[in-house]
Structure formats: C-alpha cells, structure tokens
C-alpha cells in the first residue's frame, strides 16, 4: 500500500503513485525525487494551474515561488507520475 498525499492544487487525497512530486531547484520548480521539501500535485494541468493561483507551491515548499516558475511548469505539463523505484508499486 502506497502512502497517501494531498494534491496542493485540488486538495484531493490520493496515493503517492498517482501524484507528481515538485521541488525547488536552482532554476525553478523541478519534477521528481530529490533532496529537500516537496509538494505533491495531481497529473492534471488544472491542478498545477490551481496550485499556482492559490500560491500553494510557496506554502508547501516554504519558499517564495516566482510566477514564472509556475508558468514554466505549466508549459511542460502534462507529466506522468514517476515510475516506482521499487518496480512493483
């Protein structure tokens, strides 16, 4: 059983395998696993846009998120949730 996470956009609780993890990198928001605090967002572009509108990325990541970062992330969407590193999730 996968852990449950809340989408920062629509606020729906889903298993972590259904969501995409977003974190802050040197050049903005980065999708995928890595060090540091992460925010979970649904694979829908609407979820990403809603999270940007609600300023939810900034609250979840505890940094000031530039509007350009959110726009860049939306332009790169749709994203698929990353494959499980364990191979069987």
PDB file of N, CA and C in Angstrom:
ATOM      1  N   UNK A   1       0.835  -1.178   0.000  1.00  0.00           N
ATOM      2  CA  UNK A   1       0.000   0.000   0.000  1.00  0.00           C
ATOM      3  C   UNK A   1       0.885   1.248   0.000  1.00  0.00           C
ATOM      4  N   UNK A   2       0.584   2.154  -0.908  1.00  0.00           N
ATOM      5  CA  UNK A   2       1.357   3.386  -1.017  1.00  0.00           C
ATOM      6  C   UNK A   2       0.872   4.421  -0.009  1.00  0.00           C
ATOM      7  N   UNK A   3       1.764   5.298   0.449  1.00  0.00           N
ATOM      8  CA  UNK A   3       1.327   6.369   1.346  1.00  0.00           C
ATOM      9  C   UNK A   3       0.411   7.337   0.607  1.00  0.00           C
ATOM     10  N   UNK A   4      -0.448   7.998   1.351  1.00  0.00           N
ATOM     11  CA  UNK A   4      -1.358   8.970   0.756  1.00  0.00           C
ATOM     12  C   UNK A   4      -0.787  10.370   0.890  1.00  0.00           C
ATOM     13  N   UNK A   5      -1.041  11.184  -0.111  1.00  0.00           N
ATOM     14  CA  UNK A   5      -0.605  12.578  -0.134  1.00  0.00           C
ATOM     15  C   UNK A   5      -1.766  13.430  -0.623  1.00  0.00           C
ATOM     16  N   UNK A   6      -1.724  14.715  -0.313  1.00  0.00           N
ATOM     17  CA  UNK A   6      -2.752  15.653  -0.776  1.00  0.00           C
ATOM     18  C   UNK A   6      -2.212  16.475  -1.929  1.00  0.00           C
ATOM     19  N   UNK A   7      -3.008  16.626  -2.968  1.00  0.00           N
ATOM     20  CA  UNK A   7      -2.653  17.491  -4.090  1.00  0.00           C
ATOM     21  C   UNK A   7      -2.729  18.936  -3.611  1.00  0.00           C
ATOM     22  N   UNK A   8      -1.676  19.722  -3.855  1.00  0.00           N
ATOM     23  CA  UNK A   8      -1.685  21.118  -3.421  1.00  0.00           C
ATOM     24  C   UNK A   8      -2.599  21.975  -4.280  1.00  0.00           C
ATOM     25  N   UNK A   9      -3.034  21.455  -5.418  1.00  0.00           N
ATOM     26  CA  UNK A   9      -3.951  22.195  -6.281  1.00  0.00           C
ATOM     27  C   UNK A   9      -5.399  21.969  -5.903  1.00  0.00           C
ATOM     28  N   UNK A  10      -5.878  20.747  -6.106  1.00  0.00           N
ATOM     29  CA  UNK A  10      -7.295  20.433  -5.867  1.00  0.00           C
ATOM     30  C   UNK A  10      -7.561  19.968  -4.441  1.00  0.00           C
ATOM     31  N   UNK A  11      -6.503  19.666  -3.682  1.00  0.00           N
ATOM     32  CA  UNK A  11      -6.560  19.237  -2.287  1.00  0.00           C
ATOM     33  C   UNK A  11      -7.159  17.845  -2.098  1.00  0.00           C
ATOM     34  N   UNK A  12      -7.254  17.088  -3.170  1.00  0.00           N
ATOM     35  CA  UNK A  12      -7.763  15.721  -3.088  1.00  0.00           C
ATOM     36  C   UNK A  12      -6.671  14.811  -2.534  1.00  0.00           C
ATOM     37  N   UNK A  13      -7.042  13.889  -1.664  1.00  0.00           N
ATOM     38  CA  UNK A  13      -6.094  12.937  -1.088  1.00  0.00           C
ATOM     39  C   UNK A  13      -6.044  11.705  -1.986  1.00  0.00           C
ATOM     40  N   UNK A  14      -4.838  11.397  -2.479  1.00  0.00           N
ATOM     41  CA  UNK A  14      -4.615  10.260  -3.372  1.00  0.00           C
ATOM     42  C   UNK A  14      -3.368   9.524  -2.919  1.00  0.00           C
ATOM     43  N   UNK A  15      -3.154   8.313  -3.455  1.00  0.00           N
ATOM     44  CA  UNK A  15      -1.904   7.632  -3.128  1.00  0.00           C
ATOM     45  C   UNK A  15      -0.755   8.331  -3.859  1.00  0.00           C
ATOM     46  N   UNK A  16       0.423   8.238  -3.280  1.00  0.00           N
ATOM     47  CA  UNK A  16       1.588   8.961  -3.800  1.00  0.00           C
ATOM     48  C   UNK A  16       1.924   8.569  -5.236  1.00  0.00           C
ATOM     49  N   UNK A  17       1.563   7.376  -5.658  1.00  0.00           N
ATOM     50  CA  UNK A  17       1.831   6.936  -7.024  1.00  0.00           C
ATOM     51  C   UNK A  17       0.988   7.643  -8.065  1.00  0.00           C
ATOM     52  N   UNK A  18      -0.096   8.272  -7.647  1.00  0.00           N
ATOM     53  CA  UNK A  18      -0.979   8.990  -8.570  1.00  0.00           C
ATOM     54  C   UNK A  18      -0.622  10.464  -8.696  1.00  0.00           C
ATOM     55  N   UNK A  19       0.282  10.937  -7.864  1.00  0.00           N
ATOM     56  CA  UNK A  19       0.653  12.351  -7.847  1.00  0.00           C
ATOM     57  C   UNK A  19       2.081  12.541  -8.339  1.00  0.00           C
ATOM     58  N   UNK A  20       2.420  13.767  -8.638  1.00  0.00           N
ATOM     59  CA  UNK A  20       3.757  14.126  -9.097  1.00  0.00           C
ATOM     60  C   UNK A  20       4.396  15.009  -8.031  1.00  0.00           C
ATOM     61  N   UNK A  21       5.636  14.699  -7.658  1.00  0.00           N
ATOM     62  CA  UNK A  21       6.342  15.494  -6.651  1.00  0.00           C
ATOM     63  C   UNK A  21       7.073  16.637  -7.343  1.00  0.00           C
ATOM     64  N   UNK A  22       6.917  17.832  -6.781  1.00  0.00           N
ATOM     65  CA  UNK A  22       7.576  19.029  -7.297  1.00  0.00           C
ATOM     66  C   UNK A  22       8.447  19.587  -6.180  1.00  0.00           C
ATOM     67  N   UNK A  23       9.663  19.981  -6.518  1.00  0.00           N
ATOM     68  CA  UNK A  23      10.575  20.577  -5.541  1.00  0.00           C
ATOM     69  C   UNK A  23      11.252  21.780  -6.163  1.00  0.00           C
ATOM     70  N   UNK A  24      11.967  22.532  -5.352  1.00  0.00           N
ATOM     71  CA  UNK A  24      12.671  23.716  -5.839  1.00  0.00           C
ATOM     72  C   UNK A  24      14.098  23.332  -6.195  1.00  0.00           C
ATOM     73  N   UNK A  25      14.528  23.764  -7.368  1.00  0.00           N
ATOM     74  CA  UNK A  25      15.900  23.560  -7.807  1.00  0.00           C
ATOM     75  C   UNK A  25      16.561  24.899  -8.064  1.00  0.00           C
ATOM     76  N   UNK A  26      17.733  24.875  -8.619  1.00  0.00           N
ATOM     77  CA  UNK A  26      18.482  26.111  -8.862  1.00  0.00           C
ATOM     78  C   UNK A  26      17.828  27.003  -9.911  1.00  0.00           C
ATOM     79  N   UNK A  27      17.032  26.415 -10.809  1.00  0.00           N
ATOM     80  CA  UNK A  27      16.411  27.222 -11.859  1.00  0.00           C
ATOM     81  C   UNK A  27      14.884  27.159 -11.826  1.00  0.00           C
ATOM     82  N   UNK A  28      14.316  26.940 -10.651  1.00  0.00           N
ATOM     83  CA  UNK A  28      12.861  26.943 -10.539  1.00  0.00           C
ATOM     84  C   UNK A  28      12.313  25.646  -9.986  1.00  0.00           C
ATOM     85  N   UNK A  29      11.085  25.340 -10.378  1.00  0.00           N
ATOM     86  CA  UNK A  29      10.419  24.133  -9.910  1.00  0.00           C
ATOM     87  C   UNK A  29      10.855  22.937 -10.746  1.00  0.00           C
ATOM     88  N   UNK A  30      11.181  21.846 -10.066  1.00  0.00           N
ATOM     89  CA  UNK A  30      11.670  20.635 -10.705  1.00  0.00           C
ATOM     90  C   UNK A  30      10.732  19.488 -10.347  1.00  0.00           C
ATOM     91  N   UNK A  31      10.426  18.653 -11.313  1.00  0.00           N
ATOM     92  CA  UNK A  31       9.570  17.490 -11.094  1.00  0.00           C
ATOM     93  C   UNK A  31      10.434  16.288 -10.760  1.00  0.00           C
ATOM     94  N   UNK A  32      10.023  15.534  -9.749  1.00  0.00           N
ATOM     95  CA  UNK A  32      10.685  14.281  -9.426  1.00  0.00           C
ATOM     96  C   UNK A  32      11.317  14.265  -8.054  1.00  0.00           C
ATOM     97  N   UNK A  33      11.879  13.122  -7.733  1.00  0.00           N
ATOM     98  CA  UNK A  33      12.507  12.919  -6.437  1.00  0.00           C
ATOM     99  C   UNK A  33      13.795  13.719  -6.343  1.00  0.00           C
ATOM    100  N   UNK A  34      14.188  14.000  -5.137  1.00  0.00           N
ATOM    101  CA  UNK A  34      15.421  14.725  -4.891  1.00  0.00           C
ATOM    102  C   UNK A  34      15.424  15.258  -3.480  1.00  0.00           C
ATOM    103  N   UNK A  35      16.506  15.911  -3.110  1.00  0.00           N
ATOM    104  CA  UNK A  35      16.607  16.411  -1.743  1.00  0.00           C
ATOM    105  C   UNK A  35      15.682  17.600  -1.499  1.00  0.00           C
ATOM    106  N   UNK A  36      15.351  17.773  -0.247  1.00  0.00           N
ATOM    107  CA  UNK A  36      14.580  18.947   0.142  1.00  0.00           C
ATOM    108  C   UNK A  36      13.086  18.706   0.215  1.00  0.00           C
ATOM    109  N   UNK A  37      12.406  19.748   0.582  1.00  0.00           N
ATOM    110  CA  UNK A  37      10.952  19.721   0.745  1.00  0.00           C
ATOM    111  C   UNK A  37      10.278  19.585  -0.607  1.00  0.00           C
ATOM    112  N   UNK A  38       9.204  18.826  -0.648  1.00  0.00           N
ATOM    113  CA  UNK A  38       8.473  18.628  -1.891  1.00  0.00           C
ATOM    114  C   UNK A  38       6.999  18.936  -1.732  1.00  0.00           C
ATOM    115  N   UNK A  39       6.363  19.265  -2.829  1.00  0.00           N
ATOM    116  CA  UNK A  39       4.917  19.469  -2.882  1.00  0.00           C
ATOM    117  C   UNK A  39       4.362  18.451  -3.864  1.00  0.00           C
ATOM    118  N   UNK A  40       3.208  17.912  -3.566  1.00  0.00           N
ATOM    119  CA  UNK A  40       2.589  16.896  -4.414  1.00  0.00           C
ATOM    120  C   UNK A  40       1.441  17.517  -5.183  1.00  0.00           C
ATOM    121  N   UNK A  41       1.386  17.250  -6.476  1.00  0.00           N
ATOM    122  CA  UNK A  41       0.340  17.815  -7.328  1.00  0.00           C
ATOM    123  C   UNK A  41      -0.179  16.723  -8.262  1.00  0.00           C
ATOM    124  N   UNK A  42      -1.456  16.810  -8.581  1.00  0.00           N
ATOM    125  CA  UNK A  42      -2.069  15.841  -9.483  1.00  0.00           C
ATOM    126  C   UNK A  42      -1.519  15.962 -10.887  1.00  0.00           C
ATOM    127  N   UNK A  43      -1.654  14.914 -11.699  1.00  0.00           N
ATOM    128  CA  UNK A  43      -1.105  14.933 -13.051  1.00  0.00           C
ATOM    129  C   UNK A  43      -1.875  15.837 -14.014  1.00  0.00           C
ATOM    130  N   UNK A  44      -2.985  16.397 -13.580  1.00  0.00           N
ATOM    131  CA  UNK A  44      -3.786  17.284 -14.415  1.00  0.00           C
ATOM    132  C   UNK A  44      -3.187  18.692 -14.461  1.00  0.00           C
ATOM    133  N   UNK A  45      -3.206  19.300 -15.637  1.00  0.00           N
ATOM    134  CA  UNK A  45      -2.719  20.674 -15.771  1.00  0.00           C
ATOM    135  C   UNK A  45      -3.579  21.627 -14.941  1.00  0.00           C
ATOM    136  N   UNK A  46      -4.847  21.297 -14.763  1.00  0.00           N
ATOM    137  CA  UNK A  46      -5.733  22.113 -13.934  1.00  0.00           C
ATOM    138  C   UNK A  46      -5.252  22.160 -12.488  1.00  0.00           C
ATOM    139  N   UNK A  47      -4.749  21.045 -11.982  1.00  0.00           N
ATOM    140  CA  UNK A  47      -4.228  21.008 -10.611  1.00  0.00           C
ATOM    141  C   UNK A  47      -3.017  21.920 -10.466  1.00  0.00           C
ATOM    142  N   UNK A  48      -2.140  21.906 -11.458  1.00  0.00           N
ATOM    143  CA  UNK A  48      -0.947  22.754 -11.418  1.00  0.00           C
ATOM    144  C   UNK A  48      -1.347  24.226 -11.472  1.00  0.00           C
ATOM    145  N   UNK A  49      -2.265  24.563 -12.375  1.00  0.00           N
ATOM    146  CA  UNK A  49      -2.716  25.946 -12.502  1.00  0.00           C
ATOM    147  C   UNK A  49      -3.403  26.419 -11.224  1.00  0.00           C
ATOM    148  N   UNK A  50      -4.218  25.566 -10.631  1.00  0.00           N
ATOM    149  CA  UNK A  50      -4.909  25.924  -9.398  1.00  0.00           C
ATOM    150  C   UNK A  50      -3.925  26.106  -8.249  1.00  0.00           C
ATOM    151  N   UNK A  51      -2.912  25.252  -8.182  1.00  0.00           N
ATOM    152  CA  UNK A  51      -1.886  25.393  -7.149  1.00  0.00           C
ATOM    153  C   UNK A  51      -1.136  26.711  -7.313  1.00  0.00           C
ATOM    154  N   UNK A  52      -0.856  27.096  -8.553  1.00  0.00           N
ATOM    155  CA  UNK A  52      -0.203  28.379  -8.797  1.00  0.00           C
ATOM    156  C   UNK A  52      -1.089  29.546  -8.418  1.00  0.00           C
ATOM    157  N   UNK A  53      -2.360  29.463  -8.755  1.00  0.00           N
ATOM    158  CA  UNK A  53      -3.311  30.534  -8.445  1.00  0.00           C
ATOM    159  C   UNK A  53      -3.485  30.696  -6.934  1.00  0.00           C
ATOM    160  N   UNK A  54      -3.524  29.586  -6.222  1.00  0.00           N
ATOM    161  CA  UNK A  54      -3.707  29.618  -4.773  1.00  0.00           C
ATOM    162  C   UNK A  54      -2.402  29.878  -4.021  1.00  0.00           C
ATOM    163  N   UNK A  55      -1.288  29.970  -4.749  1.00  0.00           N
ATOM    164  CA  UNK A  55       0.046  30.132  -4.153  1.00  0.00           C
ATOM    165  C   UNK A  55       0.390  28.981  -3.214  1.00  0.00           C
ATOM    166  N   UNK A  56      -0.105  27.814  -3.559  1.00  0.00           N
ATOM    167  CA  UNK A  56       0.084  26.635  -2.722  1.00  0.00           C
ATOM    168  C   UNK A  56       1.509  26.088  -2.797  1.00  0.00           C
ATOM    169  N   UNK A  57       2.179  26.266  -3.935  1.00  0.00           N
ATOM    170  CA  UNK A  57       3.563  25.790  -4.031  1.00  0.00           C
ATOM    171  C   UNK A  57       4.440  26.510  -3.012  1.00  0.00           C
ATOM    172  N   UNK A  58       4.292  27.807  -2.905  1.00  0.00           N
ATOM    173  CA  UNK A  58       5.089  28.580  -1.957  1.00  0.00           C
ATOM    174  C   UNK A  58       4.862  28.157  -0.517  1.00  0.00           C
ATOM    175  N   UNK A  59       3.607  27.922  -0.164  1.00  0.00           N
ATOM    176  CA  UNK A  59       3.303  27.489   1.204  1.00  0.00           C
ATOM    177  C   UNK A  59       3.857  26.098   1.485  1.00  0.00           C
ATOM    178  N   UNK A  60       3.685  25.186   0.562  1.00  0.00           N
ATOM    179  CA  UNK A  60       4.148  23.814   0.777  1.00  0.00           C
ATOM    180  C   UNK A  60       5.666  23.712   0.792  1.00  0.00           C
ATOM    181  N   UNK A  61       6.303  24.461  -0.086  1.00  0.00           N
ATOM    182  CA  UNK A  61       7.759  24.384  -0.205  1.00  0.00           C
ATOM    183  C   UNK A  61       8.484  25.337   0.738  1.00  0.00           C
ATOM    184  N   UNK A  62       7.726  26.232   1.350  1.00  0.00           N
ATOM    185  CA  UNK A  62       8.262  27.219   2.298  1.00  0.00           C
ATOM    186  C   UNK A  62       9.325  28.117   1.678  1.00  0.00           C
ATOM    187  N   UNK A  63       9.072  28.502   0.445  1.00  0.00           N
ATOM    188  CA  UNK A  63       9.915  29.475  -0.252  1.00  0.00           C
ATOM    189  C   UNK A  63       8.996  30.376  -1.068  1.00  0.00           C
ATOM    190  N   UNK A  64       9.516  31.504  -1.495  1.00  0.00           N
ATOM    191  CA  UNK A  64       8.740  32.356  -2.382  1.00  0.00           C
ATOM    192  C   UNK A  64       8.876  31.808  -3.798  1.00  0.00           C
ATOM    193  N   UNK A  65       7.760  31.417  -4.377  1.00  0.00           N
ATOM    194  CA  UNK A  65       7.758  30.824  -5.712  1.00  0.00           C
ATOM    195  C   UNK A  65       7.408  31.901  -6.725  1.00  0.00           C
ATOM    196  N   UNK A  66       8.293  32.104  -7.663  1.00  0.00           N
ATOM    197  CA  UNK A  66       8.123  33.085  -8.724  1.00  0.00           C
ATOM    198  C   UNK A  66       7.006  32.629  -9.664  1.00  0.00           C
ATOM    199  N   UNK A  67       6.172  33.561 -10.112  1.00  0.00           N
ATOM    200  CA  UNK A  67       5.083  33.229 -11.044  1.00  0.00           C
ATOM    201  C   UNK A  67       5.629  32.643 -12.345  1.00  0.00           C
ATOM    202  N   UNK A  68       6.831  33.048 -12.752  1.00  0.00           N
ATOM    203  CA  UNK A  68       7.448  32.493 -13.959  1.00  0.00           C
ATOM    204  C   UNK A  68       7.760  31.004 -13.790  1.00  0.00           C
ATOM    205  N   UNK A  69       8.118  30.607 -12.573  1.00  0.00           N
ATOM    206  CA  UNK A  69       8.393  29.197 -12.313  1.00  0.00           C
ATOM    207  C   UNK A  69       7.143  28.363 -12.551  1.00  0.00           C
ATOM    208  N   UNK A  70       6.003  28.867 -12.061  1.00  0.00           N
ATOM    209  CA  UNK A  70       4.738  28.144 -12.229  1.00  0.00           C
ATOM    210  C   UNK A  70       4.358  28.098 -13.706  1.00  0.00           C
ATOM    211  N   UNK A  71       4.527  29.217 -14.413  1.00  0.00           N
ATOM    212  CA  UNK A  71       4.207  29.259 -15.845  1.00  0.00           C
ATOM    213  C   UNK A  71       5.073  28.268 -16.621  1.00  0.00           C
ATOM    214  N   UNK A  72       6.351  28.166 -16.273  1.00  0.00           N
ATOM    215  CA  UNK A  72       7.248  27.219 -16.935  1.00  0.00           C
ATOM    216  C   UNK A  72       6.813  25.778 -16.658  1.00  0.00           C
ATOM    217  N   UNK A  73       6.408  25.514 -15.420  1.00  0.00           N
ATOM    218  CA  UNK A  73       5.950  24.177 -15.061  1.00  0.00           C
ATOM    219  C   UNK A  73       4.683  23.812 -15.829  1.00  0.00           C
ATOM    220  N   UNK A  74       3.752  24.753 -15.945  1.00  0.00           N
ATOM    221  CA  UNK A  74       2.512  24.509 -16.690  1.00  0.00           C
ATOM    222  C   UNK A  74       2.814  24.240 -18.163  1.00  0.00           C
ATOM    223  N   UNK A  75       3.783  24.972 -18.725  1.00  0.00           N
ATOM    224  CA  UNK A  75       4.112  24.778 -20.143  1.00  0.00           C
ATOM    225  C   UNK A  75       4.729  23.404 -20.413  1.00  0.00           C
ATOM    226  N   UNK A  76       5.340  22.800 -19.404  1.00  0.00           N
ATOM    227  CA  UNK A  76       5.963  21.481 -19.550  1.00  0.00           C
ATOM    228  C   UNK A  76       4.984  20.342 -19.272  1.00  0.00           C
ATOM    229  N   UNK A  77       3.787  20.673 -18.844  1.00  0.00           N
ATOM    230  CA  UNK A  77       2.785  19.662 -18.497  1.00  0.00           C
ATOM    231  C   UNK A  77       2.167  19.126 -19.765  1.00  0.00           C
ATOM    232  N   UNK A  78       1.610  17.958 -19.916  1.00  0.00           N
ATOM    233  CA  UNK A  78       1.298  17.018 -18.844  1.00  0.00           C
ATOM    234  C   UNK A  78       2.493  16.154 -18.465  1.00  0.00           C
ATOM    235  N   UNK A  79       2.547  15.829 -17.229  1.00  0.00           N
ATOM    236  CA  UNK A  79       3.590  14.957 -16.705  1.00  0.00           C
ATOM    237  C   UNK A  79       2.942  13.658 -16.259  1.00  0.00           C
ATOM    238  N   UNK A  80       3.681  12.608 -16.347  1.00  0.00           N
ATOM    239  CA  UNK A  80       3.237  11.330 -15.806  1.00  0.00           C
ATOM    240  C   UNK A  80       3.895  11.162 -14.448  1.00  0.00           C
ATOM    241  N   UNK A  81       3.199  10.569 -13.493  1.00  0.00           N
ATOM    242  CA  UNK A  81       3.862  10.296 -12.221  1.00  0.00           C
ATOM    243  C   UNK A  81       5.096   9.437 -12.467  1.00  0.00           C
ATOM    244  N   UNK A  82       6.191   9.716 -11.765  1.00  0.00           N
ATOM    245  CA  UNK A  82       7.405   8.934 -11.980  1.00  0.00           C
ATOM    246  C   UNK A  82       7.189   7.465 -11.629  1.00  0.00           C
ATOM    247  N   UNK A  83       7.928   6.615 -12.291  1.00  0.00           N
ATOM    248  CA  UNK A  83       7.833   5.177 -12.029  1.00  0.00           C
ATOM    249  C   UNK A  83       8.329   4.876 -10.626  1.00  0.00           C
ATOM    250  N   UNK A  84       7.745   3.886 -10.023  1.00  0.00           N
ATOM    251  CA  UNK A  84       8.132   3.486  -8.673  1.00  0.00           C
ATOM    252  C   UNK A  84       9.562   2.942  -8.695  1.00  0.00           C
ATOM    253  N   UNK A  85      10.440   3.439  -7.816  1.00  0.00           N
ATOM    254  CA  UNK A  85      11.819   2.942  -7.807  1.00  0.00           C
ATOM    255  C   UNK A  85      11.913   1.488  -7.351  1.00  0.00           C
ATOM    256  N   UNK A  86      10.861   0.970  -6.707  1.00  0.00           N
ATOM    257  CA  UNK A  86      10.872  -0.404  -6.222  1.00  0.00           C
ATOM    258  C   UNK A  86      10.451  -1.389  -7.303  1.00  0.00           C
ATOM    259  N   UNK A  87       9.868  -0.870  -8.390  1.00  0.00           N
ATOM    260  CA  UNK A  87       9.494  -1.709  -9.510  1.00  0.00           C
ATOM    261  C   UNK A  87       8.134  -2.371  -9.436  1.00  0.00           C
ATOM    262  N   UNK A  88       7.491  -2.365  -8.292  1.00  0.00           N
ATOM    263  CA  UNK A  88       6.228  -3.075  -8.189  1.00  0.00           C
ATOM    264  C   UNK A  88       5.070  -2.263  -7.648  1.00  0.00           C
ATOM    265  N   UNK A  89       5.213  -1.002  -7.544  1.00  0.00           N
ATOM    266  CA  UNK A  89       4.154  -0.179  -6.940  1.00  0.00           C
ATOM    267  C   UNK A  89       2.989   0.033  -7.865  1.00  0.00           C
TER     268      UNK A  89
END
